[in-house]
Amino acid sequence: MQDAFPPPEMGEPYLLTPGPLTTAIEVKRAMLRDWGSWDGDFRAMTADLRKRLLAMAGADDDWDCVPLQGSGSYAVEAMLGSFVPRDGKVLVLANGAYGQRVAQSLRYLGRAHEVIDKGDYLPPRGAEVAAALAADTSITHVVAIHCETSSGILNPVEEIAEAVAQAGRKLLIDSMSGFGALPLDVRDIEVEAFVSSANKCIEGVPGFGFVIARRSVLEAAEGNSHSLALDLHAQWAYMEKTGQWRYTPPTHTVAAFLAALDLHEAEGGRAGRLARYEGNRDTMVAGMRELGFETLLSDRWLSPVIVTFFCPADPAFSFARFYDLMKDKGFIIYPGKLTVVDSFRIGCIGRMDAPVMRRVVEAARDSLTDMGVASAAPPEEALAERARLAA
């Protein structure tokens, strides 16, 4: 059990973040060997990685997987720059920082776009997507965020995909914090491509993202990209020809990821991983609410990836002090990313289980006591704003 869920007394705090996150000892050990990037053994590792990710997505021979060096944002920008032609137009569905980052990327890329901005509390819904597409026939692509981790909201990608398909447009999904746990099967959802990352729900370490796309989309992407390094068509074509990455690959990250895939499969695949994350969320949210904390979102939209809480109104509460106290107790939490109210976030993913989450709640309780906080209740205006925007 200690190997699976390393306790903080080993000198390694739990990372209650949306990634990087706490990894298994088997994942760490996989990085102790050096690999030659052109060697046949490493080419076999890359091929195995691609094959297993396609199987996880329910993809057949009409699809392919393209890993790309860098963080998840590199893969998102690569997807946008490679798959949206320069004369295309994108409808961005935003309800947090990562939807806004997509819009920012499109501005850098010089791609025309419109934004449906739902704020921090609500998801974009299929009906409003359909209305926007009917009103603007020049829109060629829609980009949706699977799980918006700035708020922790789980977006309804199935109904969004249905609206996009009915309108005859193309859907791209940022599933950075979702794939591997949240349902995303290309047999069940009409999508052109989606991206995710090594260091999220599959519980690897940072170093690469990956794009799962229709082969026809990859073939049509030649010449679209604004960037040499982020050209998905070129990366895919080179991998198909040589089995190698075009430029220096994150060899140790790939080795760690394959170990993480082994653990993912042993846990029962996506369904098993999701069940543990949901148990983490439910245990932690129930305990935090007993302490008086309030979640930003209603239960309907709470993801099993990360949960946002309002900061207490009590003047004795300081997030910086709360963060330090939680870290001293072995838990690294995440600051909020909202513009309207003060908040913080606690992640549910990584090599953790419900007993660990109970310890998180105990640490939060003790930290409030250490600060002299009498009540964890948020400001009344924060609750009023939540009610107004959710109405």
Protein backbone atom coordinates (compact mmCIF):
# COMPACT_ATOMS: atom_id res chain seq x y z
CA MET A 1 0.00 0.00 0.00
CA GLN A 2 2.86 2.38 0.73
CA ASP A 3 4.20 1.87 -2.78
CA ALA A 4 0.79 2.67 -4.28
CA PHE A 5 0.05 5.64 -2.03
CA PRO A 6 3.35 7.03 -0.72
CA PRO A 7 2.80 8.73 2.65
CA PRO A 8 4.12 12.23 3.26
CA GLU A 9 6.48 10.96 5.97
CA MET A 10 8.60 9.53 3.13
CA GLY A 11 9.43 13.15 2.34
CA GLU A 12 7.07 13.42 -0.60
CA PRO A 13 3.88 15.47 -0.14
CA TYR A 14 0.70 14.56 -1.97
CA LEU A 15 0.08 16.86 -4.94
CA LEU A 16 -3.60 17.82 -4.76
CA THR A 17 -3.39 19.56 -8.13
CA PRO A 18 -4.63 18.89 -11.67
CA GLY A 19 -1.14 17.75 -12.68
CA PRO A 20 1.72 17.24 -12.19
CA LEU A 21 0.40 14.86 -9.59
CA THR A 22 1.42 12.15 -7.16
CA THR A 23 2.74 9.12 -9.03
CA ALA A 24 3.28 5.50 -8.11
CA ILE A 25 6.70 4.22 -7.16
CA GLU A 26 6.63 2.00 -10.27
CA VAL A 27 6.33 5.12 -12.43
CA LYS A 28 9.27 6.77 -10.69
CA ARG A 29 11.43 3.66 -10.99
CA ALA A 30 10.80 3.47 -14.74
CA MET A 31 12.81 6.68 -15.14
CA LEU A 32 16.02 5.22 -13.68
CA ARG A 33 17.20 3.91 -17.06
CA ASP A 34 18.47 5.94 -20.01
CA TRP A 35 17.12 5.24 -23.50
CA GLY A 36 18.54 6.00 -26.93
CA SER A 37 16.03 8.08 -28.84
CA TRP A 38 16.78 6.36 -32.17
CA ASP A 39 17.24 2.89 -30.74
CA GLY A 40 14.89 0.11 -31.78
CA ASP A 41 13.84 -0.52 -28.18
CA PHE A 42 12.67 3.05 -27.78
CA ARG A 43 10.92 3.02 -31.15
CA ALA A 44 9.03 -0.05 -29.91
CA MET A 45 8.09 1.86 -26.75
CA THR A 46 6.68 4.71 -28.83
CA ALA A 47 4.68 2.31 -31.00
CA ASP A 48 3.31 0.58 -27.89
CA LEU A 49 2.30 3.92 -26.37
CA ARG A 50 0.41 4.96 -29.50
CA LYS A 51 -1.33 1.60 -29.84
CA ARG A 52 -2.49 1.50 -26.23
CA LEU A 53 -3.82 5.05 -26.26
CA LEU A 54 -5.82 4.34 -29.40
CA ALA A 55 -7.30 1.26 -27.75
CA MET A 56 -8.25 3.36 -24.71
CA ALA A 57 -10.09 5.75 -27.02
CA GLY A 58 -11.98 2.94 -28.77
CA ALA A 59 -10.29 3.90 -32.03
CA ASP A 60 -9.93 1.68 -35.09
CA ASP A 61 -7.59 1.95 -38.10
CA ASP A 62 -9.27 5.18 -39.20
CA TRP A 63 -7.59 6.94 -36.27
CA ASP A 64 -4.05 7.56 -35.13
CA CYS A 65 -2.22 8.87 -32.07
CA VAL A 66 0.50 11.51 -32.34
CA PRO A 67 2.58 12.21 -29.21
CA LEU A 68 4.24 15.62 -29.06
CA GLN A 69 7.00 16.93 -26.81
CA GLY A 70 6.06 19.63 -24.29
CA SER A 71 3.23 20.41 -21.92
CA GLY A 72 -0.45 19.98 -22.68
CA SER A 73 -0.71 23.54 -23.99
CA TYR A 74 1.82 22.65 -26.69
CA ALA A 75 -0.45 19.85 -27.86
CA VAL A 76 -3.53 22.08 -27.79
CA GLU A 77 -1.81 24.75 -29.85
CA ALA A 78 -0.51 22.10 -32.24
CA MET A 79 -4.04 20.76 -32.71
CA LEU A 80 -5.45 24.22 -33.38
CA GLY A 81 -2.67 25.30 -35.72
CA SER A 82 -2.60 22.03 -37.64
CA PHE A 83 -6.29 21.16 -37.95
CA VAL A 84 -7.93 24.57 -38.36
CA PRO A 85 -7.10 25.87 -41.84
CA ARG A 86 -5.95 29.45 -42.07
CA ASP A 87 -9.28 30.46 -43.57
CA GLY A 88 -11.27 28.53 -40.97
CA LYS A 89 -13.25 29.99 -38.08
CA VAL A 90 -13.57 28.55 -34.59
CA LEU A 91 -16.32 28.73 -31.99
CA VAL A 92 -14.61 28.49 -28.58
CA LEU A 93 -16.71 27.25 -25.66
CA ALA A 94 -15.22 28.87 -22.57
CA ASN A 95 -16.09 28.67 -18.91
CA GLY A 96 -12.72 29.26 -17.33
CA ALA A 97 -9.04 29.88 -17.93
CA TYR A 98 -8.42 27.03 -20.36
CA GLY A 99 -11.19 27.99 -22.75
CA GLN A 100 -9.81 31.50 -22.66
CA ARG A 101 -6.34 30.10 -23.38
CA VAL A 102 -7.71 28.45 -26.51
CA ALA A 103 -9.03 31.83 -27.64
CA GLN A 104 -5.67 33.42 -26.84
CA SER A 105 -3.88 30.74 -28.87
CA LEU A 106 -6.17 31.39 -31.83
CA ARG A 107 -5.36 35.10 -31.64
CA TYR A 108 -1.64 34.25 -31.81
CA LEU A 109 -2.35 31.89 -34.72
CA GLY A 110 -4.36 34.48 -36.62
CA ARG A 111 -7.41 32.19 -36.82
CA ALA A 112 -10.84 33.82 -36.84
CA HIS A 113 -12.91 32.85 -33.81
CA GLU A 114 -15.90 33.64 -31.64
CA VAL A 115 -16.29 32.83 -27.94
CA ILE A 116 -19.26 31.69 -25.91
CA ASP A 117 -18.15 32.68 -22.41
CA LYS A 118 -20.19 31.07 -19.64
CA GLY A 119 -18.16 32.47 -16.75
CA ASP A 120 -17.02 30.28 -13.86
CA TYR A 121 -20.24 28.61 -12.75
CA LEU A 122 -21.98 27.02 -15.73
CA PRO A 123 -21.19 24.80 -18.73
CA PRO A 124 -21.96 25.57 -22.36
CA ARG A 125 -25.01 23.61 -23.42
CA GLY A 126 -25.88 21.92 -26.69
CA ALA A 127 -28.80 24.22 -27.48
CA GLU A 128 -26.75 27.41 -27.31
CA VAL A 129 -24.00 25.83 -29.40
CA ALA A 130 -26.59 24.88 -32.01
CA ALA A 131 -27.97 28.42 -31.99
CA ALA A 132 -24.51 29.95 -32.43
CA LEU A 133 -23.71 27.64 -35.34
CA ALA A 134 -27.05 28.38 -37.01
CA ALA A 135 -26.40 32.11 -36.68
CA ASP A 136 -22.90 31.98 -38.20
CA THR A 137 -22.43 29.60 -41.11
CA SER A 138 -18.78 30.65 -41.50
CA ILE A 139 -17.81 28.71 -38.36
CA THR A 140 -15.95 25.55 -39.38
CA HIS A 141 -14.78 24.18 -36.02
CA VAL A 142 -15.89 24.11 -32.39
CA VAL A 143 -13.46 23.70 -29.49
CA ALA A 144 -14.72 22.37 -26.15
CA ILE A 145 -12.91 21.81 -22.85
CA HIS A 146 -13.76 18.41 -21.37
CA CYS A 147 -13.00 19.35 -17.77
CA GLU A 148 -12.35 23.02 -17.02
CA THR A 149 -9.90 22.74 -14.15
CA SER A 150 -9.86 26.44 -13.26
CA SER A 151 -13.29 25.86 -11.69
CA GLY A 152 -13.47 22.06 -11.68
CA ILE A 153 -16.52 22.03 -13.93
CA LEU A 154 -17.30 18.93 -15.99
CA ASN A 155 -18.61 20.04 -19.37
CA PRO A 156 -21.30 18.02 -21.24
CA VAL A 157 -19.23 17.13 -24.29
CA GLU A 158 -21.73 14.51 -25.47
CA GLU A 159 -24.55 17.00 -26.05
CA ILE A 160 -22.09 19.54 -27.46
CA ALA A 161 -20.81 16.93 -29.92
CA GLU A 162 -24.36 16.12 -30.99
CA ALA A 163 -25.11 19.79 -31.69
CA VAL A 164 -21.89 20.22 -33.66
CA ALA A 165 -22.50 17.07 -35.72
CA GLN A 166 -26.07 18.06 -36.53
CA ALA A 167 -24.79 21.40 -37.79
CA GLY A 168 -22.21 19.67 -39.99
CA ARG A 169 -19.21 21.30 -38.28
CA LYS A 170 -16.06 19.79 -36.77
CA LEU A 171 -15.40 19.31 -33.05
CA LEU A 172 -12.02 19.47 -31.34
CA ILE A 173 -11.78 18.62 -27.62
CA ASP A 174 -9.24 19.61 -25.01
CA SER A 175 -9.45 16.56 -22.73
CA MET A 176 -6.23 17.39 -20.96
CA SER A 177 -7.58 16.63 -17.49
CA GLY A 178 -10.21 14.11 -18.50
CA PHE A 179 -8.96 11.37 -20.80
CA GLY A 180 -8.13 8.15 -19.00
CA ALA A 181 -10.90 8.60 -16.42
CA LEU A 182 -13.82 10.52 -17.93
CA PRO A 183 -15.74 8.81 -20.74
CA LEU A 184 -14.33 9.74 -24.15
CA ASP A 185 -14.76 7.00 -26.73
CA VAL A 186 -14.64 7.90 -30.42
CA ARG A 187 -17.25 5.20 -31.12
CA ASP A 188 -19.74 7.12 -28.97
CA ILE A 189 -18.96 10.75 -29.75
CA GLU A 190 -18.56 12.57 -33.07
CA VAL A 191 -15.18 14.30 -32.84
CA GLU A 192 -12.36 15.12 -35.25
CA ALA A 193 -9.57 15.06 -32.68
CA PHE A 194 -8.82 15.49 -29.01
CA VAL A 195 -5.73 16.13 -26.91
CA SER A 196 -4.55 15.00 -23.51
CA SER A 197 -1.32 14.81 -21.54
CA ALA A 198 0.99 12.29 -19.91
CA ASN A 199 0.69 13.75 -16.41
CA LYS A 200 -3.05 13.77 -15.81
CA CYS A 201 -5.52 10.90 -15.34
CA ILE A 202 -3.13 8.25 -16.63
CA GLU A 203 -0.79 9.34 -13.80
CA GLY A 204 2.47 9.67 -15.68
CA VAL A 205 4.95 12.55 -15.39
CA PRO A 206 5.17 15.77 -17.42
CA GLY A 207 6.98 15.82 -20.75
CA PHE A 208 4.57 15.21 -23.61
CA GLY A 209 1.00 15.55 -24.75
CA PHE A 210 -0.77 13.50 -27.38
CA VAL A 211 -3.37 14.04 -30.06
CA ILE A 212 -5.81 11.34 -31.12
CA ALA A 213 -7.24 12.24 -34.51
CA ARG A 214 -8.89 10.83 -37.58
CA ARG A 215 -6.31 9.83 -40.17
CA SER A 216 -8.21 11.86 -42.74
CA VAL A 217 -7.80 14.95 -40.55
CA LEU A 218 -4.07 14.32 -40.16
CA GLU A 219 -3.69 13.87 -43.90
CA ALA A 220 -5.56 17.09 -44.64
CA ALA A 221 -3.43 19.07 -42.17
CA GLU A 222 -0.35 19.26 -44.40
CA GLY A 223 0.72 22.86 -44.80
CA ASN A 224 -1.69 24.30 -42.22
CA SER A 225 0.68 24.73 -39.30
CA HIS A 226 2.20 28.04 -38.29
CA SER A 227 5.08 26.26 -36.55
CA LEU A 228 7.81 23.81 -37.46
CA ALA A 229 7.91 22.17 -34.03
CA LEU A 230 4.13 22.09 -33.55
CA ASP A 231 3.23 20.71 -36.99
CA LEU A 232 1.17 17.60 -36.21
CA HIS A 233 1.11 16.45 -39.82
CA ALA A 234 4.90 16.53 -39.99
CA GLN A 235 5.26 14.78 -36.62
CA TRP A 236 2.78 12.09 -37.67
CA ALA A 237 4.30 11.56 -41.12
CA TYR A 238 7.78 11.21 -39.65
CA MET A 239 6.60 8.73 -37.02
CA GLU A 240 4.78 6.72 -39.65
CA LYS A 241 7.91 6.58 -41.81
CA THR A 242 10.60 6.01 -39.17
CA GLY A 243 8.90 5.08 -35.87
CA GLN A 244 10.83 7.96 -34.32
CA TRP A 245 9.98 11.38 -32.91
CA ARG A 246 11.13 14.20 -35.20
CA TYR A 247 13.13 15.92 -32.47
CA THR A 248 14.62 14.80 -29.14
CA PRO A 249 11.88 12.85 -27.33
CA PRO A 250 11.26 12.88 -23.57
CA THR A 251 12.59 9.35 -23.21
CA HIS A 252 12.26 9.05 -19.45
CA THR A 253 8.71 10.43 -19.56
CA VAL A 254 7.74 7.84 -22.18
CA ALA A 255 9.17 5.03 -20.02
CA ALA A 256 7.27 6.36 -17.00
CA PHE A 257 4.08 6.64 -19.04
CA LEU A 258 4.23 3.02 -20.12
CA ALA A 259 4.55 2.00 -16.45
CA ALA A 260 1.57 4.26 -15.69
CA LEU A 261 -0.43 2.57 -18.47
CA ASP A 262 0.29 -0.82 -16.86
CA LEU A 263 -1.11 0.44 -13.56
CA HIS A 264 -4.09 2.02 -15.33
CA GLU A 265 -4.97 -1.31 -16.95
CA ALA A 266 -4.46 -3.22 -13.68
CA GLU A 267 -6.89 -0.85 -11.95
CA GLY A 268 -9.63 -1.70 -14.43
CA GLY A 269 -8.90 0.88 -17.11
CA ARG A 270 -10.90 4.06 -17.45
CA ALA A 271 -13.85 2.79 -15.39
CA GLY A 272 -11.66 1.70 -12.50
CA ARG A 273 -9.72 4.95 -12.50
CA LEU A 274 -12.94 6.99 -12.60
CA ALA A 275 -14.42 5.04 -9.68
CA ARG A 276 -11.40 5.83 -7.49
CA TYR A 277 -11.43 9.50 -8.46
CA GLU A 278 -15.16 9.80 -7.78
CA GLY A 279 -14.59 8.21 -4.38
CA ASN A 280 -11.81 10.71 -3.72
CA ARG A 281 -14.05 13.62 -4.66
CA ASP A 282 -17.06 12.44 -2.68
CA THR A 283 -15.03 11.75 0.45
CA MET A 284 -13.20 15.05 0.31
CA VAL A 285 -16.20 17.23 -0.58
CA ALA A 286 -18.36 15.71 2.16
CA GLY A 287 -15.63 16.28 4.73
CA MET A 288 -14.89 19.84 3.65
CA ARG A 289 -18.57 20.73 3.75
CA GLU A 290 -18.76 19.37 7.29
CA LEU A 291 -16.02 21.86 8.16
CA GLY A 292 -18.18 24.66 6.71
CA PHE A 293 -16.50 25.10 3.31
CA GLU A 294 -18.70 25.69 0.25
CA THR A 295 -18.00 24.43 -3.27
CA LEU A 296 -18.10 26.87 -6.14
CA LEU A 297 -20.26 24.49 -8.18
CA SER A 298 -23.42 22.55 -7.57
CA ASP A 299 -23.07 18.77 -7.31
CA ARG A 300 -24.37 18.39 -10.86
CA TRP A 301 -21.25 19.93 -12.38
CA LEU A 302 -18.58 18.81 -9.91
CA SER A 303 -15.89 16.89 -11.75
CA PRO A 304 -13.92 14.02 -10.21
CA VAL A 305 -10.72 15.81 -11.25
CA ILE A 306 -10.52 18.95 -9.10
CA VAL A 307 -12.91 20.87 -6.86
CA THR A 308 -12.98 24.63 -6.23
CA PHE A 309 -13.90 25.95 -2.78
CA PHE A 310 -14.67 29.51 -1.72
CA CYS A 311 -12.18 30.98 0.71
CA PRO A 312 -13.71 31.57 4.17
CA ALA A 313 -14.94 35.06 5.04
CA ASP A 314 -13.38 34.85 8.50
CA PRO A 315 -10.73 37.62 8.68
CA ALA A 316 -8.33 35.16 10.35
CA PHE A 317 -8.20 33.13 7.13
CA SER A 318 -5.29 33.71 4.76
CA PHE A 319 -4.87 31.44 1.78
CA ALA A 320 -1.08 31.83 1.83
CA ARG A 321 -1.02 30.70 5.47
CA PHE A 322 -3.52 27.92 4.79
CA TYR A 323 -1.36 26.69 1.91
CA ASP A 324 1.76 26.60 4.09
CA LEU A 325 -0.03 24.78 6.91
CA MET A 326 -1.45 22.19 4.51
CA LYS A 327 2.01 21.69 2.98
CA ASP A 328 3.50 21.21 6.46
CA LYS A 329 0.93 18.45 6.96
CA GLY A 330 1.93 16.76 3.68
CA PHE A 331 -0.57 18.17 1.17
CA ILE A 332 0.09 20.67 -1.62
CA ILE A 333 -3.16 22.31 -2.72
CA TYR A 334 -3.79 24.73 -5.57
CA PRO A 335 -4.69 28.43 -5.57
CA GLY A 336 -7.93 29.54 -7.15
CA LYS A 337 -8.11 30.80 -10.72
CA LEU A 338 -11.34 32.79 -10.56
CA THR A 339 -11.69 36.49 -11.23
CA VAL A 340 -14.79 37.27 -9.17
CA VAL A 341 -14.23 35.63 -5.77
CA ASP A 342 -11.34 34.31 -3.71
CA SER A 343 -11.05 30.54 -3.94
CA PHE A 344 -8.73 27.55 -3.79
CA ARG A 345 -8.73 24.13 -5.40
CA ILE A 346 -8.16 20.57 -4.23
CA GLY A 347 -7.38 17.90 -6.81
CA CYS A 348 -8.83 14.39 -6.73
CA ILE A 349 -6.50 12.74 -9.22
CA GLY A 350 -3.14 11.06 -8.75
CA ARG A 351 -2.04 8.06 -6.72
CA MET A 352 -4.45 8.67 -3.84
CA ASP A 353 -7.53 6.99 -2.42
CA ALA A 354 -10.41 7.81 -0.09
CA PRO A 355 -8.42 7.24 3.16
CA VAL A 356 -5.89 9.80 1.93
CA MET A 357 -8.70 12.26 1.22
CA ARG A 358 -9.97 11.83 4.77
CA ARG A 359 -6.52 12.87 5.93
CA VAL A 360 -6.78 15.91 3.67
CA VAL A 361 -9.94 16.95 5.48
CA GLU A 362 -8.28 16.39 8.86
CA ALA A 363 -5.36 18.55 7.75
CA ALA A 364 -7.75 21.30 6.63
CA ARG A 365 -9.55 21.15 9.99
CA ASP A 366 -6.30 21.38 11.91
CA SER A 367 -5.05 24.21 9.69
CA LEU A 368 -8.19 26.25 10.40
CA THR A 369 -7.59 25.71 14.11
CA ASP A 370 -3.95 26.77 13.77
CA MET A 371 -5.06 30.02 12.11
CA GLY A 372 -7.81 30.67 14.63
CA VAL A 373 -10.54 30.54 11.98
CA ALA A 374 -13.90 30.15 13.69
CA SER A 375 -15.94 29.56 10.53
CA ALA A 376 -15.07 28.29 7.04
CA ALA A 377 -18.23 29.81 5.56
CA PRO A 378 -17.64 32.01 2.49
CA PRO A 379 -18.69 35.65 2.16
CA GLU A 380 -22.41 36.11 1.69
CA GLU A 381 -21.78 38.02 -1.52
CA ALA A 382 -19.96 35.01 -2.97
CA LEU A 383 -22.97 32.78 -2.32
CA ALA A 384 -25.30 35.44 -3.72
CA GLU A 385 -23.18 35.71 -6.88
CA ARG A 386 -23.19 31.93 -7.27
CA ALA A 387 -26.97 31.83 -6.94
CA ARG A 388 -27.44 34.70 -9.37
CA LEU A 389 -25.21 33.28 -12.08
CA ALA A 390 -26.51 29.74 -11.69
CA ALA A 391 -30.14 30.83 -11.91
